[in-house]
Amino acid sequence: MCSLNAENSTQHGNTQGKGLNNGILFLLSMPFLVGGSVAILWYKKYRQQEAKPPVLK
């Protein structure tokens, strides 16, 4: 679907253009969400290892 057709359909009350825009935004946000989740998990694991006190014998 071309962008002009999608824009005209939303102006006339059709919801297919909104669905197309929502799908594009969803696909755009996925790499950021996955990357952010991996970064948060890595940061928590790194902070957990650093916080352990050394064992003295």
C-alpha atoms as a PDB file:
ATOM      1  CA  MET A   1       0.000   0.000   0.000  1.00  0.00           C
ATOM      2  CA  CYS A   2       1.511   3.340  -0.968  1.00  0.00           C
ATOM      3  CA  SER A   3       1.655   6.162   1.557  1.00  0.00           C
ATOM      4  CA  LEU A   4      -0.732   8.393  -0.414  1.00  0.00           C
ATOM      5  CA  ASN A   5      -3.392   5.689  -0.481  1.00  0.00           C
ATOM      6  CA  ALA A   6      -2.973   5.055   3.247  1.00  0.00           C
ATOM      7  CA  GLU A   7      -3.249   8.776   4.039  1.00  0.00           C
ATOM      8  CA  ASN A   8      -6.388   9.205   1.942  1.00  0.00           C
ATOM      9  CA  SER A   9      -8.042   6.179   3.507  1.00  0.00           C
ATOM     10  CA  THR A  10      -7.495   7.503   7.044  1.00  0.00           C
ATOM     11  CA  GLN A  11      -9.027  10.832   6.104  1.00  0.00           C
ATOM     12  CA  HIS A  12     -12.186   9.055   4.943  1.00  0.00           C
ATOM     13  CA  GLY A  13     -12.599   7.042   8.147  1.00  0.00           C
ATOM     14  CA  ASN A  14     -10.846   3.826   7.139  1.00  0.00           C
ATOM     15  CA  THR A  15      -8.723   2.290   9.917  1.00  0.00           C
ATOM     16  CA  GLN A  16      -6.328   0.326   7.715  1.00  0.00           C
ATOM     17  CA  GLY A  17      -3.928   3.270   7.590  1.00  0.00           C
ATOM     18  CA  LYS A  18      -3.850   3.484  11.390  1.00  0.00           C
ATOM     19  CA  GLY A  19      -3.121  -0.223  11.578  1.00  0.00           C
ATOM     20  CA  LEU A  20      -0.316   0.162   9.076  1.00  0.00           C
ATOM     21  CA  ASN A  21       1.221   3.006  11.075  1.00  0.00           C
ATOM     22  CA  ASN A  22       0.902   1.067  14.337  1.00  0.00           C
ATOM     23  CA  GLY A  23       2.582  -1.948  12.740  1.00  0.00           C
ATOM     24  CA  ILE A  24       5.476   0.165  11.499  1.00  0.00           C
ATOM     25  CA  LEU A  25       5.954   1.714  14.943  1.00  0.00           C
ATOM     26  CA  PHE A  26       5.817  -1.728  16.566  1.00  0.00           C
ATOM     27  CA  LEU A  27       8.484  -3.110  14.225  1.00  0.00           C
ATOM     28  CA  LEU A  28      10.616  -0.006  14.758  1.00  0.00           C
ATOM     29  CA  SER A  29      10.492  -0.286  18.541  1.00  0.00           C
ATOM     30  CA  MET A  30      11.317  -4.004  18.817  1.00  0.00           C
ATOM     31  CA  PRO A  31      15.123  -3.747  18.333  1.00  0.00           C
ATOM     32  CA  PHE A  32      15.278  -0.991  20.954  1.00  0.00           C
ATOM     33  CA  LEU A  33      13.238  -2.989  23.459  1.00  0.00           C
ATOM     34  CA  VAL A  34      15.287  -6.153  22.930  1.00  0.00           C
ATOM     35  CA  GLY A  35      18.575  -4.254  23.117  1.00  0.00           C
ATOM     36  CA  GLY A  36      17.472  -2.380  26.232  1.00  0.00           C
ATOM     37  CA  SER A  37      16.405  -5.602  27.928  1.00  0.00           C
ATOM     38  CA  VAL A  38      19.737  -7.254  27.198  1.00  0.00           C
ATOM     39  CA  ALA A  39      21.597  -4.175  28.453  1.00  0.00           C
ATOM     40  CA  ILE A  40      19.598  -4.095  31.700  1.00  0.00           C
ATOM     41  CA  LEU A  41      20.156  -7.802  32.343  1.00  0.00           C
ATOM     42  CA  TRP A  42      23.880  -7.478  31.611  1.00  0.00           C
ATOM     43  CA  TYR A  43      24.164  -4.434  33.890  1.00  0.00           C
ATOM     44  CA  LYS A  44      22.374  -6.183  36.768  1.00  0.00           C
ATOM     45  CA  LYS A  45      24.586  -9.256  36.447  1.00  0.00           C
ATOM     46  CA  TYR A  46      27.732  -7.120  36.302  1.00  0.00           C
ATOM     47  CA  ARG A  47      26.696  -5.101  39.389  1.00  0.00           C
ATOM     48  CA  GLN A  48      25.866  -8.304  41.284  1.00  0.00           C
ATOM     49  CA  GLN A  49      29.336  -9.763  40.672  1.00  0.00           C
ATOM     50  CA  GLU A  50      31.061  -6.511  41.611  1.00  0.00           C
ATOM     51  CA  ALA A  51      29.160  -6.122  44.904  1.00  0.00           C
ATOM     52  CA  LYS A  52      30.342  -9.430  46.408  1.00  0.00           C
ATOM     53  CA  PRO A  53      32.872  -8.894  49.231  1.00  0.00           C
ATOM     54  CA  PRO A  54      36.208 -10.695  48.886  1.00  0.00           C
ATOM     55  CA  VAL A  55      36.672 -13.877  50.912  1.00  0.00           C
ATOM     56  CA  LEU A  56      39.650 -13.702  53.298  1.00  0.00           C
ATOM     57  CA  LYS A  57      41.266 -16.835  54.724  1.00  0.00           C
END
